[in-house]
PDB file of N, CA and C in Angstrom:
ATOM      1  N   MET A   1      93.768 117.699 106.295  1.00  0.00           N
ATOM      2  CA  MET A   1      94.288 116.753 107.408  1.00  0.00           C
ATOM      3  C   MET A   1      95.529 117.514 107.916  1.00  0.00           C
ATOM      4  N   SER A   2      95.636 117.795 109.197  1.00  0.00           N
ATOM      5  CA  SER A   2      96.929 118.261 109.638  1.00  0.00           C
ATOM      6  C   SER A   2      97.818 117.004 109.994  1.00  0.00           C
ATOM      7  N   VAL A   3      99.093 116.953 109.675  1.00  0.00           N
ATOM      8  CA  VAL A   3      99.822 115.695 109.893  1.00  0.00           C
ATOM      9  C   VAL A   3     101.188 116.319 110.762  1.00  0.00           C
ATOM     10  N   ALA A   4     101.037 117.495 111.280  1.00  0.00           N
ATOM     11  CA  ALA A   4     102.174 118.001 112.144  1.00  0.00           C
ATOM     12  C   ALA A   4     102.249 117.504 113.438  1.00  0.00           C
ATOM     13  N   HIS A   5     101.127 117.033 113.967  1.00  0.00           N
ATOM     14  CA  HIS A   5     101.126 116.638 115.356  1.00  0.00           C
ATOM     15  C   HIS A   5     102.133 115.342 115.537  1.00  0.00           C
ATOM     16  N   ALA A   6     102.297 115.247 116.860  1.00  0.00           N
ATOM     17  CA  ALA A   6     103.291 114.043 117.293  1.00  0.00           C
ATOM     18  C   ALA A   6     102.867 112.718 117.051  1.00  0.00           C
ATOM     19  N   GLY A   7     101.690 112.558 116.471  1.00  0.00           N
ATOM     20  CA  GLY A   7     101.284 111.110 116.407  1.00  0.00           C
ATOM     21  C   GLY A   7     101.560 110.612 115.031  1.00  0.00           C
ATOM     22  N   LEU A   8     101.963 111.486 114.090  1.00  0.00           N
ATOM     23  CA  LEU A   8     102.387 111.016 112.591  1.00  0.00           C
ATOM     24  C   LEU A   8     103.208 109.798 112.625  1.00  0.00           C
ATOM     25  N   GLU A   9     104.154 109.753 113.328  1.00  0.00           N
ATOM     26  CA  GLU A   9     105.133 108.602 113.369  1.00  0.00           C
ATOM     27  C   GLU A   9     104.463 107.243 113.815  1.00  0.00           C
ATOM     28  N   GLU A  10     103.435 107.383 114.632  1.00  0.00           N
ATOM     29  CA  GLU A  10     102.631 106.260 115.098  1.00  0.00           C
ATOM     30  C   GLU A  10     101.736 105.696 113.865  1.00  0.00           C
ATOM     31  N   LYS A  11     101.246 106.758 113.281  1.00  0.00           N
ATOM     32  CA  LYS A  11     100.214 106.392 111.988  1.00  0.00           C
ATOM     33  C   LYS A  11     101.077 105.690 111.019  1.00  0.00           C
ATOM     34  N   ILE A  12     102.312 106.192 110.819  1.00  0.00           N
ATOM     35  CA  ILE A  12     103.143 105.484 109.829  1.00  0.00           C
ATOM     36  C   ILE A  12     103.401 104.304 110.224  1.00  0.00           C
ATOM     37  N   LYS A  13     103.852 103.781 111.279  1.00  0.00           N
ATOM     38  CA  LYS A  13     104.081 102.587 111.652  1.00  0.00           C
ATOM     39  C   LYS A  13     102.864 101.734 111.576  1.00  0.00           C
ATOM     40  N   LYS A  14     101.734 102.070 111.966  1.00  0.00           N
ATOM     41  CA  LYS A  14     100.569 101.342 111.667  1.00  0.00           C
ATOM     42  C   LYS A  14     100.122 101.242 110.136  1.00  0.00           C
ATOM     43  N   LEU A  15     100.498 101.985 109.605  1.00  0.00           N
ATOM     44  CA  LEU A  15     100.391 102.028 107.754  1.00  0.00           C
ATOM     45  C   LEU A  15     101.399 100.953 107.495  1.00  0.00           C
ATOM     46  N   ILE A  16     102.626 100.945 107.900  1.00  0.00           N
ATOM     47  CA  ILE A  16     103.520 100.006 107.344  1.00  0.00           C
ATOM     48  C   ILE A  16     103.028  98.592 107.577  1.00  0.00           C
ATOM     49  N   VAL A  17     102.658  98.338 108.889  1.00  0.00           N
ATOM     50  CA  VAL A  17     102.229  97.047 109.378  1.00  0.00           C
ATOM     51  C   VAL A  17     100.878  96.395 108.425  1.00  0.00           C
ATOM     52  N   SER A  18      99.982  97.383 108.299  1.00  0.00           N
ATOM     53  CA  SER A  18      98.864  97.069 107.767  1.00  0.00           C
ATOM     54  C   SER A  18      98.919  96.928 106.337  1.00  0.00           C
ATOM     55  N   GLN A  19      99.460  97.832 105.656  1.00  0.00           N
ATOM     56  CA  GLN A  19      99.625  98.041 104.120  1.00  0.00           C
ATOM     57  C   GLN A  19     100.411  96.838 103.594  1.00  0.00           C
ATOM     58  N   LEU A  20     101.700  96.410 104.570  1.00  0.00           N
ATOM     59  CA  LEU A  20     102.424  95.445 103.927  1.00  0.00           C
ATOM     60  C   LEU A  20     102.188  94.023 104.519  1.00  0.00           C
ATOM     61  N   GLY A  21     101.038  93.994 105.188  1.00  0.00           N
ATOM     62  CA  GLY A  21     100.759  92.688 105.828  1.00  0.00           C
ATOM     63  C   GLY A  21     101.720  92.034 106.844  1.00  0.00           C
ATOM     64  N   LEU A  22     102.542  92.779 107.563  1.00  0.00           N
ATOM     65  CA  LEU A  22     103.731  92.364 108.341  1.00  0.00           C
ATOM     66  C   LEU A  22     102.900  91.621 109.617  1.00  0.00           C
ATOM     67  N   ASP A  23     103.608  90.565 110.014  1.00  0.00           N
ATOM     68  CA  ASP A  23     103.194  89.809 111.173  1.00  0.00           C
ATOM     69  C   ASP A  23     104.121  90.289 112.349  1.00  0.00           C
ATOM     70  N   ILE A  24     103.892  91.729 112.568  1.00  0.00           N
ATOM     71  CA  ILE A  24     104.598  92.049 113.846  1.00  0.00           C
ATOM     72  C   ILE A  24     103.630  93.314 114.295  1.00  0.00           C
ATOM     73  N   SER A  25     103.802  93.646 115.558  1.00  0.00           N
ATOM     74  CA  SER A  25     103.204  94.754 116.160  1.00  0.00           C
ATOM     75  C   SER A  25     103.731  96.056 115.672  1.00  0.00           C
ATOM     76  N   HIS A  26     103.065  97.154 115.484  1.00  0.00           N
ATOM     77  CA  HIS A  26     103.472  98.586 114.965  1.00  0.00           C
ATOM     78  C   HIS A  26     104.296  98.998 116.113  1.00  0.00           C
ATOM     79  N   ASP A  27     104.057  98.649 117.358  1.00  0.00           N
ATOM     80  CA  ASP A  27     104.773  99.022 118.471  1.00  0.00           C
ATOM     81  C   ASP A  27     106.356  98.488 118.580  1.00  0.00           C
ATOM     82  N   SER A  28     106.662  97.543 117.599  1.00  0.00           N
ATOM     83  CA  SER A  28     107.915  97.029 117.665  1.00  0.00           C
ATOM     84  C   SER A  28     108.935  97.643 116.731  1.00  0.00           C
ATOM     85  N   ILE A  29     108.203  98.525 116.030  1.00  0.00           N
ATOM     86  CA  ILE A  29     109.129  99.252 114.877  1.00  0.00           C
ATOM     87  C   ILE A  29     109.718 100.530 115.644  1.00  0.00           C
ATOM     88  N   ASP A  30     110.998 100.493 115.501  1.00  0.00           N
ATOM     89  CA  ASP A  30     111.714 101.581 116.024  1.00  0.00           C
ATOM     90  C   ASP A  30     111.720 102.690 115.012  1.00  0.00           C
ATOM     91  N   GLU A  31     111.374 103.784 115.402  1.00  0.00           N
ATOM     92  CA  GLU A  31     111.302 104.882 114.360  1.00  0.00           C
ATOM     93  C   GLU A  31     112.561 105.378 113.790  1.00  0.00           C
ATOM     94  N   GLU A  32     113.716 105.027 114.357  1.00  0.00           N
ATOM     95  CA  GLU A  32     114.944 105.335 113.747  1.00  0.00           C
ATOM     96  C   GLU A  32     115.739 104.032 113.003  1.00  0.00           C
ATOM     97  N   ALA A  33     114.938 102.880 113.119  1.00  0.00           N
ATOM     98  CA  ALA A  33     115.473 101.733 112.492  1.00  0.00           C
ATOM     99  C   ALA A  33     115.468 101.933 111.035  1.00  0.00           C
ATOM    100  N   PRO A  34     116.372 101.315 110.257  1.00  0.00           N
ATOM    101  CA  PRO A  34     116.323 101.343 108.764  1.00  0.00           C
ATOM    102  C   PRO A  34     115.083 100.359 108.292  1.00  0.00           C
ATOM    103  N   LEU A  35     114.441 100.925 107.318  1.00  0.00           N
ATOM    104  CA  LEU A  35     113.218 100.387 106.701  1.00  0.00           C
ATOM    105  C   LEU A  35     113.832  99.321 105.546  1.00  0.00           C
ATOM    106  N   PHE A  36     114.683  99.645 104.942  1.00  0.00           N
ATOM    107  CA  PHE A  36     114.895  99.009 103.648  1.00  0.00           C
ATOM    108  C   PHE A  36     116.351  97.978 103.892  1.00  0.00           C
ATOM    109  N   ASP A  37     116.857  97.893 105.080  1.00  0.00           N
ATOM    110  CA  ASP A  37     117.915  97.327 105.567  1.00  0.00           C
ATOM    111  C   ASP A  37     117.953  96.585 106.827  1.00  0.00           C
ATOM    112  N   ILE A  38     119.007  96.159 107.337  1.00  0.00           N
ATOM    113  CA  ILE A  38     119.151  95.712 108.822  1.00  0.00           C
ATOM    114  C   ILE A  38     120.478  96.348 109.293  1.00  0.00           C
ATOM    115  N   ASP A  39     120.438  97.106 110.383  1.00  0.00           N
ATOM    116  CA  ASP A  39     121.671  97.708 110.829  1.00  0.00           C
ATOM    117  C   ASP A  39     122.560  96.621 111.623  1.00  0.00           C
ATOM    118  N   ASP A  40     123.720  97.119 112.076  1.00  0.00           N
ATOM    119  CA  ASP A  40     124.639  96.233 112.674  1.00  0.00           C
ATOM    120  C   ASP A  40     124.070  95.543 114.027  1.00  0.00           C
ATOM    121  N   ASN A  41     123.153  96.129 114.590  1.00  0.00           N
ATOM    122  CA  ASN A  41     122.428  95.751 115.758  1.00  0.00           C
ATOM    123  C   ASN A  41     121.310  94.772 115.483  1.00  0.00           C
ATOM    124  N   GLY A  42     120.982  94.484 114.199  1.00  0.00           N
ATOM    125  CA  GLY A  42     119.932  93.719 113.908  1.00  0.00           C
ATOM    126  C   GLY A  42     118.722  94.273 113.857  1.00  0.00           C
ATOM    127  N   SER A  43     118.441  95.519 113.912  1.00  0.00           N
ATOM    128  CA  SER A  43     117.431  96.389 113.729  1.00  0.00           C
ATOM    129  C   SER A  43     117.226  96.757 112.423  1.00  0.00           C
ATOM    130  N   GLY A  44     115.701  96.617 111.977  1.00  0.00           N
ATOM    131  CA  GLY A  44     115.293  97.088 110.640  1.00  0.00           C
ATOM    132  C   GLY A  44     114.395  95.943 109.962  1.00  0.00           C
ATOM    133  N   LEU A  45     113.679  96.509 109.116  1.00  0.00           N
ATOM    134  CA  LEU A  45     112.674  95.677 108.467  1.00  0.00           C
ATOM    135  C   LEU A  45     113.027  94.939 107.221  1.00  0.00           C
ATOM    136  N   ASP A  46     114.076  95.333 106.702  1.00  0.00           N
ATOM    137  CA  ASP A  46     114.685  94.808 105.402  1.00  0.00           C
ATOM    138  C   ASP A  46     113.384  94.730 104.212  1.00  0.00           C
ATOM    139  N   LEU A  47     112.886  95.856 104.170  1.00  0.00           N
ATOM    140  CA  LEU A  47     111.846  95.914 103.124  1.00  0.00           C
ATOM    141  C   LEU A  47     112.516  96.011 101.672  1.00  0.00           C
ATOM    142  N   ASP A  48     111.740  95.542 100.727  1.00  0.00           N
ATOM    143  CA  ASP A  48     112.114  95.630  99.166  1.00  0.00           C
ATOM    144  C   ASP A  48     111.343  96.670  98.595  1.00  0.00           C
ATOM    145  N   SER A  49     111.792  96.901  97.281  1.00  0.00           N
ATOM    146  CA  SER A  49     111.186  97.861  96.304  1.00  0.00           C
ATOM    147  C   SER A  49     109.662  97.652  96.071  1.00  0.00           C
ATOM    148  N   VAL A  50     109.218  96.571  96.021  1.00  0.00           N
ATOM    149  CA  VAL A  50     107.805  96.207  96.230  1.00  0.00           C
ATOM    150  C   VAL A  50     107.032  96.924  97.363  1.00  0.00           C
ATOM    151  N   ASP A  51     107.793  96.690  98.454  1.00  0.00           N
ATOM    152  CA  ASP A  51     107.089  97.057  99.768  1.00  0.00           C
ATOM    153  C   ASP A  51     107.151  98.601  99.728  1.00  0.00           C
ATOM    154  N   ALA A  52     108.179  99.096  99.094  1.00  0.00           N
ATOM    155  CA  ALA A  52     108.113 100.607  99.089  1.00  0.00           C
ATOM    156  C   ALA A  52     107.091 101.247  98.122  1.00  0.00           C
ATOM    157  N   LEU A  53     106.828 100.460  96.941  1.00  0.00           N
ATOM    158  CA  LEU A  53     105.594 100.892  96.229  1.00  0.00           C
ATOM    159  C   LEU A  53     104.171 100.834  97.057  1.00  0.00           C
ATOM    160  N   GLU A  54     104.099  99.744  97.641  1.00  0.00           N
ATOM    161  CA  GLU A  54     102.888  99.357  98.464  1.00  0.00           C
ATOM    162  C   GLU A  54     102.837 100.610  99.595  1.00  0.00           C
ATOM    163  N   LEU A  55     103.834 100.967 100.171  1.00  0.00           N
ATOM    164  CA  LEU A  55     103.853 102.043 101.284  1.00  0.00           C
ATOM    165  C   LEU A  55     103.489 103.370 100.498  1.00  0.00           C
ATOM    166  N   ALA A  56     103.795 103.555  99.507  1.00  0.00           N
ATOM    167  CA  ALA A  56     103.519 104.877  98.654  1.00  0.00           C
ATOM    168  C   ALA A  56     102.071 104.718  98.410  1.00  0.00           C
ATOM    169  N   VAL A  57     101.502 103.695  98.016  1.00  0.00           N
ATOM    170  CA  VAL A  57     100.127 103.670  97.807  1.00  0.00           C
ATOM    171  C   VAL A  57      99.314 103.966  99.089  1.00  0.00           C
ATOM    172  N   GLY A  58      99.765 103.360 100.170  1.00  0.00           N
ATOM    173  CA  GLY A  58      99.140 103.557 101.509  1.00  0.00           C
ATOM    174  C   GLY A  58      99.160 105.078 102.027  1.00  0.00           C
ATOM    175  N   ILE A  59     100.363 105.593 101.817  1.00  0.00           N
ATOM    176  CA  ILE A  59     100.513 107.123 101.995  1.00  0.00           C
ATOM    177  C   ILE A  59      99.640 107.936 101.252  1.00  0.00           C
ATOM    178  N   LYS A  60      99.465 107.668  99.863  1.00  0.00           N
ATOM    179  CA  LYS A  60      98.436 108.298  99.129  1.00  0.00           C
ATOM    180  C   LYS A  60      97.085 108.239  99.549  1.00  0.00           C
ATOM    181  N   ARG A  61      96.592 106.997  99.993  1.00  0.00           N
ATOM    182  CA  ARG A  61      95.267 106.745 100.344  1.00  0.00           C
ATOM    183  C   ARG A  61      95.099 107.510 101.762  1.00  0.00           C
ATOM    184  N   ASP A  62      96.045 107.379 102.734  1.00  0.00           N
ATOM    185  CA  ASP A  62      95.650 107.855 104.085  1.00  0.00           C
ATOM    186  C   ASP A  62      96.038 109.363 104.298  1.00  0.00           C
ATOM    187  N   PHE A  63      96.880 109.738 103.488  1.00  0.00           N
ATOM    188  CA  PHE A  63      97.520 111.256 103.859  1.00  0.00           C
ATOM    189  C   PHE A  63      97.024 112.161 102.633  1.00  0.00           C
ATOM    190  N   GLN A  64      96.392 111.607 101.538  1.00  0.00           N
ATOM    191  CA  GLN A  64      96.074 112.253 100.392  1.00  0.00           C
ATOM    192  C   GLN A  64      97.222 113.248  99.775  1.00  0.00           C
ATOM    193  N   ILE A  65      98.308 112.544  99.868  1.00  0.00           N
ATOM    194  CA  ILE A  65      99.509 113.050  98.906  1.00  0.00           C
ATOM    195  C   ILE A  65     100.293 112.100  98.195  1.00  0.00           C
ATOM    196  N   VAL A  66     100.703 112.513  97.059  1.00  0.00           N
ATOM    197  CA  VAL A  66     101.386 111.512  96.143  1.00  0.00           C
ATOM    198  C   VAL A  66     102.851 111.894  96.268  1.00  0.00           C
ATOM    199  N   ILE A  67     103.536 110.955  96.854  1.00  0.00           N
ATOM    200  CA  ILE A  67     105.200 111.136  96.953  1.00  0.00           C
ATOM    201  C   ILE A  67     105.786 110.420  95.962  1.00  0.00           C
ATOM    202  N   GLN A  68     106.760 111.166  95.326  1.00  0.00           N
ATOM    203  CA  GLN A  68     107.443 110.791  94.282  1.00  0.00           C
ATOM    204  C   GLN A  68     108.470 109.612  94.552  1.00  0.00           C
ATOM    205  N   ASN A  69     108.559 108.467  93.753  1.00  0.00           N
ATOM    206  CA  ASN A  69     109.479 107.532  94.099  1.00  0.00           C
ATOM    207  C   ASN A  69     110.773 107.961  94.525  1.00  0.00           C
ATOM    208  N   THR A  70     111.413 108.781  93.793  1.00  0.00           N
ATOM    209  CA  THR A  70     112.659 109.196  94.302  1.00  0.00           C
ATOM    210  C   THR A  70     112.905 109.840  95.645  1.00  0.00           C
ATOM    211  N   ASP A  71     111.701 110.464  95.960  1.00  0.00           N
ATOM    212  CA  ASP A  71     111.783 111.167  97.327  1.00  0.00           C
ATOM    213  C   ASP A  71     111.567 109.863  98.385  1.00  0.00           C
ATOM    214  N   LEU A  72     110.585 109.026  98.076  1.00  0.00           N
ATOM    215  CA  LEU A  72     110.406 108.013  99.058  1.00  0.00           C
ATOM    216  C   LEU A  72     111.825 107.143  99.201  1.00  0.00           C
ATOM    217  N   ALA A  73     112.442 106.981  98.096  1.00  0.00           N
ATOM    218  CA  ALA A  73     113.607 106.182  98.071  1.00  0.00           C
ATOM    219  C   ALA A  73     114.684 106.754  99.192  1.00  0.00           C
ATOM    220  N   SER A  74     114.560 108.134  99.267  1.00  0.00           N
ATOM    221  CA  SER A  74     115.511 108.605 100.184  1.00  0.00           C
ATOM    222  C   SER A  74     114.999 108.406 101.835  1.00  0.00           C
ATOM    223  N   CYS A  75     114.044 108.015 101.840  1.00  0.00           N
ATOM    224  CA  CYS A  75     113.600 107.693 103.298  1.00  0.00           C
ATOM    225  C   CYS A  75     114.118 106.566 103.634  1.00  0.00           C
ATOM    226  N   TYR A  76     114.798 106.620 104.936  1.00  0.00           N
ATOM    227  CA  TYR A  76     115.363 105.340 105.506  1.00  0.00           C
ATOM    228  C   TYR A  76     114.763 104.800 106.686  1.00  0.00           C
ATOM    229  N   ASN A  77     113.994 105.644 107.398  1.00  0.00           N
ATOM    230  CA  ASN A  77     113.166 105.279 108.681  1.00  0.00           C
ATOM    231  C   ASN A  77     111.934 105.728 108.699  1.00  0.00           C
ATOM    232  N   VAL A  78     111.157 105.518 109.765  1.00  0.00           N
ATOM    233  CA  VAL A  78     109.751 106.156 110.079  1.00  0.00           C
ATOM    234  C   VAL A  78     109.917 107.623 110.209  1.00  0.00           C
ATOM    235  N   LYS A  79     111.024 108.052 110.833  1.00  0.00           N
ATOM    236  CA  LYS A  79     111.047 109.561 111.190  1.00  0.00           C
ATOM    237  C   LYS A  79     111.298 110.356 109.642  1.00  0.00           C
ATOM    238  N   SER A  80     112.167 109.661 108.815  1.00  0.00           N
ATOM    239  CA  SER A  80     112.111 110.375 107.419  1.00  0.00           C
ATOM    240  C   SER A  80     110.948 110.448 106.637  1.00  0.00           C
ATOM    241  N   ILE A  81     110.190 109.261 106.858  1.00  0.00           N
ATOM    242  CA  ILE A  81     108.987 109.327 106.184  1.00  0.00           C
ATOM    243  C   ILE A  81     108.113 110.395 106.704  1.00  0.00           C
ATOM    244  N   ALA A  82     107.896 110.691 107.903  1.00  0.00           N
ATOM    245  CA  ALA A  82     107.285 111.564 108.762  1.00  0.00           C
ATOM    246  C   ALA A  82     107.625 113.088 108.131  1.00  0.00           C
ATOM    247  N   GLN A  83     108.888 113.239 108.163  1.00  0.00           N
ATOM    248  CA  GLN A  83     109.507 114.460 107.736  1.00  0.00           C
ATOM    249  C   GLN A  83     109.073 114.729 106.154  1.00  0.00           C
ATOM    250  N   LEU A  84     109.012 113.747 105.395  1.00  0.00           N
ATOM    251  CA  LEU A  84     108.747 113.909 104.043  1.00  0.00           C
ATOM    252  C   LEU A  84     107.235 114.202 103.828  1.00  0.00           C
ATOM    253  N   ILE A  85     106.485 113.641 104.653  1.00  0.00           N
ATOM    254  CA  ILE A  85     104.974 113.757 104.573  1.00  0.00           C
ATOM    255  C   ILE A  85     104.734 115.187 105.020  1.00  0.00           C
ATOM    256  N   ARG A  86     105.277 115.654 106.066  1.00  0.00           N
ATOM    257  CA  ARG A  86     105.104 117.058 106.507  1.00  0.00           C
ATOM    258  C   ARG A  86     105.573 118.016 105.518  1.00  0.00           C
ATOM    259  N   SER A  87     106.618 117.765 104.838  1.00  0.00           N
ATOM    260  CA  SER A  87     107.036 118.567 103.697  1.00  0.00           C
ATOM    261  C   SER A  87     106.268 118.725 102.724  1.00  0.00           C
ATOM    262  N   TYR A  88     105.755 117.547 102.237  1.00  0.00           N
ATOM    263  CA  TYR A  88     104.784 117.567 100.959  1.00  0.00           C
ATOM    264  C   TYR A  88     103.386 118.367 101.524  1.00  0.00           C
ATOM    265  N   SER A  89     103.048 118.247 102.794  1.00  0.00           N
ATOM    266  CA  SER A  89     101.717 118.985 103.328  1.00  0.00           C
ATOM    267  C   SER A  89     102.170 120.388 103.634  1.00  0.00           C
ATOM    268  N   GLY A  90     103.373 120.845 103.505  1.00  0.00           N
ATOM    269  CA  GLY A  90     103.531 122.202 103.809  1.00  0.00           C
ATOM    270  C   GLY A  90     103.643 122.357 105.404  1.00  0.00           C
ATOM    271  N   GLU A  91     103.819 121.360 106.298  1.00  0.00           N
ATOM    272  CA  GLU A  91     103.766 121.562 107.524  1.00  0.00           C
ATOM    273  C   GLU A  91     105.106 121.119 108.378  1.00  0.00           C
ATOM    274  N   GLU A  92     106.217 121.434 107.564  1.00  0.00           N
ATOM    275  CA  GLU A  92     107.356 121.117 108.288  1.00  0.00           C
ATOM    276  C   GLU A  92     107.715 121.800 109.468  1.00  0.00           C
ATOM    277  N   LYS A  93     108.311 121.104 110.563  1.00  0.00           N
ATOM    278  CA  LYS A  93     108.725 121.428 111.586  1.00  0.00           C
ATOM    279  C   LYS A  93     109.794 122.614 111.719  1.00  0.00           C
TER     280      LYS A  93
END
């Protein structure tokens, strides 16, 4: 499966909402907003470590790659997760 196309960020946002059972629209997730915190502007999802594990399970299922926990921990927003998925898939921009 090619993940280099522009729709990867959109797929990740949909995965976050569905995998974590969030009561928000995937369209409301800013690709640059922090996932595991809330910034000074009040943006961010404020996810926790359990959410990170659930997200890793969803990534494994949907993209057929196993991301190391330490690598996922370095991801801070949707764009950085997309970059990580591309690097694991050998399709970095």
